[in-house]
Each structure stands twice: as structure tokens, then as C-alpha cells.
């Protein structure tokens, strides 16, 4: 029974390397997911909820316009046709730092939390970074006091620094920005 249950809840992961691979229904789901995650308090790039379509759609379109097979990938997780989450991996073409990539916007739709979606996306991202983009390490920044350090730590990431009080959400809510590294891949 447990094995069957685990198989039932594993998302299908898909890698997207160009805007032409994003049909309008997927774009809509990406925007809706970003809105839902942000408005539920998620650390997804919009620090001051609530956000609406006119806030998120242009940013999503800009992000999608920069997808490139050699430098930027979108990885999505689905259960059937429903988008459960997504993450972006970017590498830099500048030779000095071409060996590392940066993780952006890991999101799990609130309706799919606690099903391993975020972990599955991060494991897939690691494989893509290593095997397809030839990267040697990954970096990300996380909002402090969200429990994200523990989440990433369970996936092999380690904290390498902090920008103290870098993020001010309100006069009485200032948080560190946490710098994390996954090395080696």
C-alpha cells in the first residue's frame, strides 16, 4: 500500500528550454502558481502580497523570454495536467563563472504542498545542471526565518554566508538573505 501511494503522488517532471515550448495554458498555470505561492506567504520573488495577474504576468513573460538551451532552463512538476510547481536554473556565459549556476523561484503550488514536489524539482535541477549543462556547483539565495535553510540542507545544500538584515518587509520585520551552495553536484 505504501509503495502504491508513493507512486501515485510522484509528479511528472518536464524540462523546458525555450519560450516556444510554453503553450498558453502552461503560461497561465505558471502565473497562477506564482500568484498563489506569493499570496500564501511564499518567498517567490514578490515580497509584498497580495499580488495579482498584472503584477506577475509581465515578470513571468520576461523570465520565459530568457529560456535558452545552453543557459536557462525551466523545470516543471505536474500531477496529470495540473502544475504542481516549478523552478528556474540559470548559468552565466561569462567564462570566469561559467562552471556554476543559480537557482531561481522554486515554487510549489499551495494545493500540492507536502507531496515532495519541491524536493523532486531540486533533485531534477541538480541532475540537469550536472549532466546537461556541465555545471560544477549551484548557488541560491533564500529569505531568512522561513525554514528554507533546513529544507535545502536536507537536499545537500550548505549555508556559505548571510547578508544580515538585507530584506526589510516592514519596519519591524527585517531578515537576513541566506547564501547557499551545492557543491559538488
N, C-alpha and C. Protein backbone atom coordinates (compact mmCIF):
# COMPACT_ATOMS: atom_id res chain seq x y z
N UNK A 1 0.82 -1.20 0.00
CA UNK A 1 0.00 0.00 0.00
C UNK A 1 0.87 1.27 0.00
N UNK A 2 1.91 1.31 0.84
CA UNK A 2 2.76 2.49 0.91
C UNK A 2 3.47 2.74 -0.41
N UNK A 3 4.01 1.69 -1.03
CA UNK A 3 4.68 1.83 -2.32
C UNK A 3 3.70 2.38 -3.36
N UNK A 4 2.51 1.83 -3.38
CA UNK A 4 1.50 2.29 -4.32
C UNK A 4 1.17 3.76 -4.09
N UNK A 5 1.09 4.14 -2.83
CA UNK A 5 0.79 5.53 -2.51
C UNK A 5 1.92 6.45 -2.96
N UNK A 6 3.16 6.05 -2.73
CA UNK A 6 4.29 6.86 -3.17
C UNK A 6 4.31 7.01 -4.68
N UNK A 7 4.03 5.94 -5.39
CA UNK A 7 4.00 6.01 -6.85
C UNK A 7 2.89 6.95 -7.31
N UNK A 8 1.80 6.93 -6.62
CA UNK A 8 0.66 7.76 -7.02
C UNK A 8 0.96 9.25 -6.87
N UNK A 9 1.77 9.62 -5.89
CA UNK A 9 1.97 11.04 -5.64
C UNK A 9 3.25 11.60 -6.26
N UNK A 10 3.98 10.83 -7.01
CA UNK A 10 5.19 11.36 -7.64
C UNK A 10 4.82 12.22 -8.84
N UNK A 11 5.31 13.46 -8.87
CA UNK A 11 4.98 14.32 -10.01
C UNK A 11 5.76 13.93 -11.25
N UNK A 12 5.23 14.31 -12.39
CA UNK A 12 5.95 14.19 -13.65
C UNK A 12 6.75 15.47 -13.83
N UNK A 13 8.05 15.31 -14.08
CA UNK A 13 8.93 16.46 -14.23
C UNK A 13 9.25 16.65 -15.71
N UNK A 14 9.21 17.90 -16.16
CA UNK A 14 9.49 18.24 -17.54
C UNK A 14 10.42 19.44 -17.58
N UNK A 15 11.39 19.36 -18.46
CA UNK A 15 12.34 20.45 -18.63
C UNK A 15 11.94 21.26 -19.86
N UNK A 16 11.99 22.57 -19.73
CA UNK A 16 11.63 23.46 -20.84
C UNK A 16 12.83 24.35 -21.11
N UNK A 17 13.22 24.42 -22.39
CA UNK A 17 14.44 25.14 -22.75
C UNK A 17 14.21 26.36 -23.63
N UNK A 18 12.95 26.62 -23.99
CA UNK A 18 12.66 27.77 -24.84
C UNK A 18 11.22 28.20 -24.73
N UNK A 19 10.97 29.46 -25.00
CA UNK A 19 9.63 30.02 -24.91
C UNK A 19 8.64 29.27 -25.81
N UNK A 20 9.12 28.79 -26.95
CA UNK A 20 8.25 28.07 -27.88
C UNK A 20 7.67 26.79 -27.28
N UNK A 21 8.25 26.31 -26.18
CA UNK A 21 7.77 25.09 -25.51
C UNK A 21 6.73 25.38 -24.45
N UNK A 22 6.32 26.64 -24.31
CA UNK A 22 5.37 27.03 -23.26
C UNK A 22 4.05 27.42 -23.91
N UNK A 23 3.10 26.47 -24.00
CA UNK A 23 1.79 26.81 -24.56
C UNK A 23 1.05 27.76 -23.61
N UNK A 24 0.04 28.41 -24.11
CA UNK A 24 -0.68 29.43 -23.33
C UNK A 24 -1.27 28.88 -22.04
N UNK A 25 -1.74 27.62 -22.05
CA UNK A 25 -2.31 27.06 -20.82
C UNK A 25 -1.24 26.85 -19.76
N UNK A 26 -0.02 26.47 -20.15
CA UNK A 26 1.06 26.32 -19.19
C UNK A 26 1.49 27.69 -18.67
N UNK A 27 1.59 28.68 -19.55
CA UNK A 27 1.93 30.04 -19.10
C UNK A 27 0.92 30.50 -18.06
N UNK A 28 -0.36 30.26 -18.33
CA UNK A 28 -1.41 30.65 -17.39
C UNK A 28 -1.21 29.96 -16.04
N UNK A 29 -0.90 28.67 -16.06
CA UNK A 29 -0.69 27.93 -14.83
C UNK A 29 0.55 28.41 -14.07
N UNK A 30 1.61 28.78 -14.79
CA UNK A 30 2.81 29.31 -14.15
C UNK A 30 2.48 30.61 -13.42
N UNK A 31 1.76 31.50 -14.08
CA UNK A 31 1.37 32.78 -13.47
C UNK A 31 0.46 32.52 -12.27
N UNK A 32 -0.52 31.66 -12.43
CA UNK A 32 -1.45 31.36 -11.33
C UNK A 32 -0.72 30.75 -10.14
N UNK A 33 0.23 29.86 -10.40
CA UNK A 33 1.02 29.26 -9.33
C UNK A 33 1.80 30.33 -8.59
N UNK A 34 2.45 31.21 -9.33
CA UNK A 34 3.27 32.27 -8.73
C UNK A 34 2.40 33.17 -7.85
N UNK A 35 1.21 33.50 -8.33
CA UNK A 35 0.28 34.32 -7.55
C UNK A 35 -0.12 33.57 -6.28
N UNK A 36 -0.50 32.32 -6.41
CA UNK A 36 -0.95 31.54 -5.25
C UNK A 36 0.17 31.38 -4.22
N UNK A 37 1.40 31.09 -4.67
CA UNK A 37 2.53 30.92 -3.76
C UNK A 37 2.81 32.23 -3.03
N UNK A 38 2.87 33.32 -3.77
CA UNK A 38 3.16 34.63 -3.16
C UNK A 38 2.08 35.02 -2.17
N UNK A 39 0.83 34.87 -2.56
CA UNK A 39 -0.27 35.30 -1.69
C UNK A 39 -0.45 34.39 -0.48
N UNK A 40 0.15 33.20 -0.53
CA UNK A 40 0.16 32.31 0.64
C UNK A 40 1.36 32.58 1.54
N UNK A 41 2.17 33.59 1.18
CA UNK A 41 3.32 33.95 2.02
C UNK A 41 4.64 33.37 1.58
N UNK A 42 4.66 32.72 0.41
CA UNK A 42 5.88 32.10 -0.08
C UNK A 42 6.92 33.11 -0.51
N UNK A 43 8.18 32.73 -0.35
CA UNK A 43 9.32 33.57 -0.74
C UNK A 43 9.64 33.32 -2.20
N UNK A 44 8.85 33.91 -3.09
CA UNK A 44 8.94 33.58 -4.51
C UNK A 44 9.24 34.78 -5.40
N UNK A 45 9.82 35.82 -4.83
CA UNK A 45 10.23 36.94 -5.67
C UNK A 45 9.37 38.18 -5.58
N UNK A 46 8.18 38.06 -5.03
CA UNK A 46 7.32 39.21 -4.80
C UNK A 46 7.13 39.32 -3.29
N UNK A 47 7.83 40.23 -2.64
CA UNK A 47 7.84 40.25 -1.18
C UNK A 47 6.61 40.86 -0.52
N UNK A 48 5.75 41.53 -1.28
CA UNK A 48 4.66 42.25 -0.64
C UNK A 48 3.30 41.82 -1.21
N UNK A 49 2.76 40.70 -0.71
CA UNK A 49 1.45 40.27 -1.16
C UNK A 49 0.37 41.23 -0.65
N UNK A 50 -0.78 41.24 -1.26
CA UNK A 50 -1.16 40.34 -2.34
C UNK A 50 -0.66 40.84 -3.69
N UNK A 51 -0.45 39.87 -4.58
CA UNK A 51 -0.12 40.19 -5.96
C UNK A 51 -1.26 39.70 -6.84
N UNK A 52 -1.30 40.25 -8.05
CA UNK A 52 -2.36 39.93 -8.99
C UNK A 52 -1.74 39.63 -10.35
N UNK A 53 -2.57 39.27 -11.27
CA UNK A 53 -2.13 38.91 -12.61
C UNK A 53 -1.28 40.01 -13.25
N UNK A 54 -1.71 41.25 -13.11
CA UNK A 54 -0.97 42.33 -13.76
C UNK A 54 0.39 42.59 -13.11
N UNK A 55 0.62 42.09 -11.90
CA UNK A 55 1.94 42.15 -11.26
C UNK A 55 2.84 41.03 -11.77
N UNK A 56 2.29 39.84 -11.83
CA UNK A 56 3.08 38.63 -12.06
C UNK A 56 3.27 38.30 -13.54
N UNK A 57 2.24 38.45 -14.34
CA UNK A 57 2.32 38.05 -15.75
C UNK A 57 3.49 38.68 -16.50
N UNK A 58 3.74 39.99 -16.39
CA UNK A 58 4.88 40.55 -17.12
C UNK A 58 6.23 40.00 -16.65
N UNK A 59 6.35 39.72 -15.36
CA UNK A 59 7.60 39.17 -14.84
C UNK A 59 7.77 37.73 -15.33
N UNK A 60 6.69 36.97 -15.35
CA UNK A 60 6.75 35.61 -15.87
C UNK A 60 7.11 35.61 -17.35
N UNK A 61 6.53 36.51 -18.11
CA UNK A 61 6.84 36.59 -19.54
C UNK A 61 8.31 36.94 -19.76
N UNK A 62 8.83 37.85 -18.97
CA UNK A 62 10.26 38.21 -19.07
C UNK A 62 11.14 37.00 -18.74
N UNK A 63 10.80 36.29 -17.68
CA UNK A 63 11.55 35.09 -17.30
C UNK A 63 11.52 34.05 -18.43
N UNK A 64 10.35 33.81 -18.98
CA UNK A 64 10.21 32.83 -20.05
C UNK A 64 10.96 33.26 -21.31
N UNK A 65 11.03 34.55 -21.56
CA UNK A 65 11.71 35.03 -22.77
C UNK A 65 13.21 34.77 -22.73
N UNK A 66 13.76 34.52 -21.56
CA UNK A 66 15.20 34.28 -21.43
C UNK A 66 15.58 32.81 -21.38
N UNK A 67 14.60 31.92 -21.55
CA UNK A 67 14.94 30.50 -21.59
C UNK A 67 15.84 30.24 -22.78
N UNK A 68 16.85 29.41 -22.57
CA UNK A 68 17.83 29.14 -23.61
C UNK A 68 18.44 27.77 -23.32
N UNK A 69 18.50 26.87 -24.28
CA UNK A 69 19.01 25.53 -24.01
C UNK A 69 20.41 25.50 -23.40
N UNK A 70 21.23 26.50 -23.69
CA UNK A 70 22.60 26.48 -23.18
C UNK A 70 22.78 27.26 -21.88
N UNK A 71 21.75 28.05 -21.47
CA UNK A 71 21.96 28.91 -20.30
C UNK A 71 20.83 28.98 -19.29
N UNK A 72 19.61 28.66 -19.65
CA UNK A 72 18.50 28.84 -18.73
C UNK A 72 17.42 27.80 -18.99
N UNK A 73 17.04 27.11 -17.93
CA UNK A 73 16.04 26.05 -18.04
C UNK A 73 14.93 26.26 -17.03
N UNK A 74 13.74 25.90 -17.41
CA UNK A 74 12.58 25.86 -16.53
C UNK A 74 12.25 24.39 -16.33
N UNK A 75 12.10 23.99 -15.10
CA UNK A 75 11.69 22.61 -14.80
C UNK A 75 10.33 22.70 -14.10
N UNK A 76 9.37 21.97 -14.62
CA UNK A 76 8.03 21.99 -14.05
C UNK A 76 7.68 20.61 -13.49
N UNK A 77 6.80 20.62 -12.51
CA UNK A 77 6.27 19.38 -11.91
C UNK A 77 4.77 19.40 -12.09
N UNK A 78 4.25 18.28 -12.56
CA UNK A 78 2.80 18.18 -12.78
C UNK A 78 2.25 16.90 -12.17
N UNK A 79 1.01 16.99 -11.79
CA UNK A 79 0.19 15.83 -11.47
C UNK A 79 -0.91 15.85 -12.51
N UNK A 80 -0.82 14.94 -13.47
CA UNK A 80 -1.74 14.99 -14.60
C UNK A 80 -1.48 16.25 -15.38
N UNK A 81 -2.51 17.04 -15.60
CA UNK A 81 -2.37 18.31 -16.33
C UNK A 81 -2.17 19.50 -15.39
N UNK A 82 -2.25 19.25 -14.08
CA UNK A 82 -2.16 20.35 -13.10
C UNK A 82 -0.70 20.65 -12.77
N UNK A 83 -0.32 21.92 -12.86
CA UNK A 83 1.01 22.34 -12.49
C UNK A 83 1.12 22.36 -10.97
N UNK A 84 2.08 21.59 -10.44
CA UNK A 84 2.27 21.49 -9.00
C UNK A 84 3.42 22.38 -8.51
N UNK A 85 4.35 22.71 -9.41
CA UNK A 85 5.47 23.56 -9.02
C UNK A 85 6.43 23.75 -10.16
N UNK A 86 7.42 24.64 -9.91
CA UNK A 86 8.41 24.92 -10.93
C UNK A 86 9.64 25.58 -10.32
N UNK A 87 10.73 25.56 -11.09
CA UNK A 87 11.98 26.18 -10.68
C UNK A 87 12.76 26.56 -11.94
N UNK A 88 13.62 27.57 -11.82
CA UNK A 88 14.45 28.03 -12.93
C UNK A 88 15.92 27.84 -12.57
N UNK A 89 16.69 27.37 -13.53
CA UNK A 89 18.14 27.24 -13.42
C UNK A 89 18.78 28.12 -14.47
N UNK A 90 19.72 28.96 -14.04
CA UNK A 90 20.44 29.83 -14.97
C UNK A 90 21.94 29.63 -14.81
N UNK A 91 22.63 29.67 -15.94
CA UNK A 91 24.09 29.69 -15.90
C UNK A 91 24.54 30.97 -16.58
N UNK A 92 25.76 31.36 -16.31
CA UNK A 92 26.30 32.61 -16.83
C UNK A 92 27.25 32.30 -17.97
N UNK A 93 27.15 33.00 -19.10
CA UNK A 93 28.05 32.71 -20.22
C UNK A 93 29.47 33.25 -20.00
N UNK A 94 29.66 34.11 -18.99
CA UNK A 94 30.98 34.68 -18.72
C UNK A 94 31.92 33.56 -18.25
N UNK A 95 33.01 33.37 -18.94
CA UNK A 95 33.91 32.23 -18.73
C UNK A 95 34.39 32.08 -17.28
N UNK A 96 34.61 33.17 -16.59
CA UNK A 96 35.12 33.13 -15.23
C UNK A 96 34.17 32.38 -14.28
N UNK A 97 32.87 32.48 -14.51
CA UNK A 97 31.87 31.85 -13.63
C UNK A 97 30.99 30.85 -14.38
N UNK A 98 31.42 30.41 -15.52
CA UNK A 98 30.61 29.50 -16.34
C UNK A 98 30.46 28.12 -15.73
N UNK A 99 31.20 27.81 -14.70
CA UNK A 99 31.13 26.49 -14.07
C UNK A 99 30.03 26.40 -13.00
N UNK A 100 29.36 27.51 -12.68
CA UNK A 100 28.30 27.44 -11.68
C UNK A 100 26.99 28.01 -12.21
N UNK A 101 25.92 27.56 -11.58
CA UNK A 101 24.59 28.02 -11.95
C UNK A 101 23.87 28.60 -10.75
N UNK A 102 22.78 29.30 -11.04
CA UNK A 102 21.98 29.93 -9.99
C UNK A 102 20.55 29.42 -10.08
N UNK A 103 19.99 29.11 -8.94
CA UNK A 103 18.62 28.61 -8.84
C UNK A 103 17.70 29.79 -8.51
N UNK A 104 16.58 29.87 -9.22
CA UNK A 104 15.63 30.96 -9.03
C UNK A 104 14.20 30.43 -8.91
N UNK A 105 13.44 31.02 -8.03
CA UNK A 105 11.98 30.89 -7.97
C UNK A 105 11.45 29.48 -7.74
N UNK A 106 12.09 28.68 -6.90
CA UNK A 106 11.49 27.38 -6.58
C UNK A 106 10.13 27.61 -5.95
N UNK A 107 9.11 26.97 -6.53
CA UNK A 107 7.75 27.15 -6.05
C UNK A 107 6.99 25.84 -6.08
N UNK A 108 6.22 25.62 -5.03
CA UNK A 108 5.25 24.53 -5.00
C UNK A 108 3.89 25.15 -4.77
N UNK A 109 2.96 24.89 -5.66
CA UNK A 109 1.61 25.42 -5.51
C UNK A 109 1.07 24.98 -4.14
N UNK A 110 0.42 25.90 -3.39
CA UNK A 110 -0.09 25.55 -2.07
C UNK A 110 -0.98 24.30 -2.05
N UNK A 111 -1.67 24.03 -3.13
CA UNK A 111 -2.52 22.85 -3.19
C UNK A 111 -1.75 21.54 -3.31
N UNK A 112 -0.44 21.62 -3.52
CA UNK A 112 0.38 20.41 -3.69
C UNK A 112 1.52 20.35 -2.67
N UNK A 113 1.42 21.09 -1.59
CA UNK A 113 2.47 21.09 -0.57
C UNK A 113 2.49 19.74 0.16
N UNK A 114 3.65 19.40 0.69
CA UNK A 114 3.87 18.19 1.48
C UNK A 114 3.79 16.91 0.66
N UNK A 115 3.96 17.03 -0.65
CA UNK A 115 3.96 15.85 -1.51
C UNK A 115 5.34 15.60 -2.12
N UNK A 116 6.32 16.36 -1.72
CA UNK A 116 7.68 16.17 -2.24
C UNK A 116 7.97 16.87 -3.55
N UNK A 117 7.11 17.79 -3.94
CA UNK A 117 7.27 18.48 -5.22
C UNK A 117 8.56 19.30 -5.24
N UNK A 118 8.78 20.12 -4.23
CA UNK A 118 9.98 20.94 -4.18
C UNK A 118 11.25 20.11 -4.18
N UNK A 119 11.26 19.05 -3.42
CA UNK A 119 12.44 18.16 -3.38
C UNK A 119 12.67 17.51 -4.74
N UNK A 120 11.60 17.06 -5.36
CA UNK A 120 11.73 16.42 -6.68
C UNK A 120 12.27 17.41 -7.71
N UNK A 121 11.78 18.64 -7.68
CA UNK A 121 12.27 19.67 -8.60
C UNK A 121 13.76 19.95 -8.37
N UNK A 122 14.17 20.04 -7.11
CA UNK A 122 15.57 20.33 -6.82
C UNK A 122 16.49 19.17 -7.19
N UNK A 123 16.04 17.94 -7.02
CA UNK A 123 16.86 16.79 -7.44
C UNK A 123 17.01 16.77 -8.96
N UNK A 124 15.93 17.05 -9.67
CA UNK A 124 15.99 17.08 -11.12
C UNK A 124 16.88 18.23 -11.60
N UNK A 125 16.75 19.38 -10.97
CA UNK A 125 17.57 20.53 -11.32
C UNK A 125 19.06 20.20 -11.16
N UNK A 126 19.40 19.52 -10.10
CA UNK A 126 20.80 19.12 -9.86
C UNK A 126 21.30 18.23 -11.00
N UNK A 127 20.49 17.28 -11.40
CA UNK A 127 20.87 16.38 -12.50
C UNK A 127 21.04 17.13 -13.80
N UNK A 128 20.11 18.02 -14.12
CA UNK A 128 20.19 18.82 -15.34
C UNK A 128 21.45 19.68 -15.32
N UNK A 129 21.69 20.32 -14.19
CA UNK A 129 22.86 21.20 -14.07
C UNK A 129 24.15 20.43 -14.33
N UNK A 130 24.27 19.27 -13.74
CA UNK A 130 25.49 18.46 -13.86
C UNK A 130 25.60 17.79 -15.23
N UNK A 131 24.56 17.07 -15.61
CA UNK A 131 24.65 16.20 -16.77
C UNK A 131 24.41 16.91 -18.11
N UNK A 132 23.61 17.93 -18.11
CA UNK A 132 23.29 18.60 -19.38
C UNK A 132 24.01 19.93 -19.58
N UNK A 133 24.19 20.67 -18.50
CA UNK A 133 24.84 21.97 -18.62
C UNK A 133 26.32 21.93 -18.20
N UNK A 134 26.76 20.80 -17.65
CA UNK A 134 28.16 20.65 -17.26
C UNK A 134 28.58 21.55 -16.12
N UNK A 135 27.65 21.91 -15.27
CA UNK A 135 27.96 22.79 -14.15
C UNK A 135 28.59 22.00 -13.01
N UNK A 136 29.36 22.68 -12.18
CA UNK A 136 30.06 22.05 -11.07
C UNK A 136 29.48 22.43 -9.72
N UNK A 137 28.78 23.55 -9.64
CA UNK A 137 28.17 23.97 -8.39
C UNK A 137 26.96 24.85 -8.68
N UNK A 138 26.09 24.91 -7.68
CA UNK A 138 24.88 25.72 -7.78
C UNK A 138 24.81 26.66 -6.58
N UNK A 139 24.22 27.82 -6.82
CA UNK A 139 24.05 28.82 -5.78
C UNK A 139 22.60 29.27 -5.74
N UNK A 140 22.19 29.72 -4.58
CA UNK A 140 20.87 30.33 -4.44
C UNK A 140 20.89 31.25 -3.24
N UNK A 141 19.93 32.15 -3.20
CA UNK A 141 19.70 32.96 -2.02
C UNK A 141 18.30 32.62 -1.50
N UNK A 142 18.19 32.62 -0.18
CA UNK A 142 16.91 32.29 0.46
C UNK A 142 16.59 33.34 1.51
N UNK A 143 15.34 33.58 1.69
CA UNK A 143 14.86 34.52 2.69
C UNK A 143 14.99 33.88 4.07
N UNK A 144 15.65 34.58 4.99
CA UNK A 144 15.80 34.09 6.35
C UNK A 144 14.49 33.98 7.09
N UNK A 145 14.49 33.16 8.13
CA UNK A 145 13.34 32.93 9.02
C UNK A 145 12.13 32.32 8.32
N UNK A 146 12.39 31.56 7.27
CA UNK A 146 11.30 30.86 6.57
C UNK A 146 11.46 29.35 6.69
N UNK A 147 12.55 28.88 7.30
CA UNK A 147 12.83 27.45 7.38
C UNK A 147 13.45 26.89 6.12
N UNK A 148 13.80 27.76 5.19
CA UNK A 148 14.34 27.30 3.90
C UNK A 148 15.73 26.70 4.04
N UNK A 149 16.52 27.18 5.00
CA UNK A 149 17.86 26.62 5.20
C UNK A 149 17.76 25.13 5.51
N UNK A 150 16.80 24.75 6.33
CA UNK A 150 16.62 23.34 6.68
C UNK A 150 16.18 22.52 5.47
N UNK A 151 15.23 23.07 4.71
CA UNK A 151 14.76 22.38 3.51
C UNK A 151 15.92 22.11 2.56
N UNK A 152 16.68 23.15 2.22
CA UNK A 152 17.79 22.97 1.30
C UNK A 152 18.89 22.10 1.90
N UNK A 153 19.11 22.24 3.21
CA UNK A 153 20.12 21.42 3.88
C UNK A 153 19.84 19.93 3.74
N UNK A 154 18.58 19.55 3.82
CA UNK A 154 18.21 18.12 3.65
C UNK A 154 18.52 17.63 2.23
N UNK A 155 18.66 18.55 1.30
CA UNK A 155 18.96 18.19 -0.09
C UNK A 155 20.45 18.33 -0.42
N UNK A 156 21.28 18.56 0.61
CA UNK A 156 22.72 18.62 0.41
C UNK A 156 23.32 20.01 0.29
N UNK A 157 22.50 21.02 0.36
CA UNK A 157 22.98 22.39 0.28
C UNK A 157 23.57 22.80 1.62
N UNK A 158 24.50 23.77 1.58
CA UNK A 158 25.04 24.31 2.83
C UNK A 158 25.05 25.83 2.76
N UNK A 159 24.84 26.41 3.92
CA UNK A 159 24.90 27.86 4.03
C UNK A 159 26.35 28.29 3.95
N UNK A 160 26.64 29.30 3.11
CA UNK A 160 28.00 29.81 2.97
C UNK A 160 28.12 31.28 3.37
N UNK A 161 27.00 31.89 3.71
CA UNK A 161 27.05 33.27 4.14
C UNK A 161 25.66 33.85 4.32
N UNK A 162 25.66 35.08 4.85
CA UNK A 162 24.40 35.80 5.06
C UNK A 162 24.66 37.27 4.82
N UNK A 163 23.65 37.92 4.30
CA UNK A 163 23.63 39.37 4.28
C UNK A 163 22.68 39.77 5.41
N UNK A 164 23.25 40.16 6.55
CA UNK A 164 22.40 40.49 7.70
C UNK A 164 21.44 41.64 7.39
N UNK A 165 20.21 41.46 7.81
CA UNK A 165 19.18 42.50 7.68
C UNK A 165 19.06 43.05 6.27
N UNK A 166 19.28 42.21 5.28
CA UNK A 166 19.24 42.66 3.89
C UNK A 166 17.84 42.91 3.37
N UNK A 167 16.86 42.26 3.95
CA UNK A 167 15.49 42.32 3.43
C UNK A 167 14.58 42.96 4.47
N UNK A 168 13.94 44.07 4.11
CA UNK A 168 13.04 44.74 5.04
C UNK A 168 11.62 44.66 4.48
N UNK A 169 10.80 43.87 5.16
CA UNK A 169 9.41 43.69 4.76
C UNK A 169 8.49 44.70 5.43
N UNK A 170 8.90 45.14 6.61
CA UNK A 170 8.17 46.16 7.38
C UNK A 170 9.17 46.73 8.39
N UNK A 171 8.85 47.86 9.00
CA UNK A 171 9.79 48.42 9.96
C UNK A 171 10.22 47.45 11.06
N UNK A 172 9.34 46.55 11.45
CA UNK A 172 9.68 45.58 12.49
C UNK A 172 9.92 44.17 11.93
N UNK A 173 10.14 44.04 10.63
CA UNK A 173 10.37 42.73 10.01
C UNK A 173 11.53 42.83 9.01
N UNK A 174 12.74 42.75 9.53
CA UNK A 174 13.94 42.76 8.71
C UNK A 174 14.60 41.39 8.84
N UNK A 175 14.99 40.82 7.71
CA UNK A 175 15.52 39.45 7.72
C UNK A 175 16.83 39.38 6.95
N UNK A 176 17.57 38.32 7.27
CA UNK A 176 18.80 38.05 6.53
C UNK A 176 18.48 37.44 5.19
N UNK A 177 19.36 37.66 4.24
CA UNK A 177 19.33 36.90 2.99
C UNK A 177 20.41 35.84 3.14
N UNK A 178 20.03 34.59 2.97
CA UNK A 178 20.92 33.46 3.22
C UNK A 178 21.51 32.99 1.89
N UNK A 179 22.82 32.88 1.84
CA UNK A 179 23.52 32.41 0.65
C UNK A 179 23.81 30.93 0.81
N UNK A 180 23.40 30.13 -0.18
CA UNK A 180 23.56 28.69 -0.08
C UNK A 180 24.27 28.15 -1.32
N UNK A 181 24.96 27.03 -1.11
CA UNK A 181 25.79 26.43 -2.14
C UNK A 181 25.57 24.93 -2.18
N UNK A 182 25.51 24.38 -3.38
CA UNK A 182 25.52 22.93 -3.58
C UNK A 182 26.75 22.61 -4.40
N UNK A 183 27.72 21.95 -3.77
CA UNK A 183 29.00 21.67 -4.39
C UNK A 183 29.61 20.47 -3.68
N UNK A 184 29.98 19.42 -4.35
CA UNK A 184 29.89 19.19 -5.79
C UNK A 184 28.50 18.70 -6.18
N UNK A 185 28.27 18.74 -7.49
CA UNK A 185 26.99 18.23 -7.98
C UNK A 185 27.10 16.73 -8.18
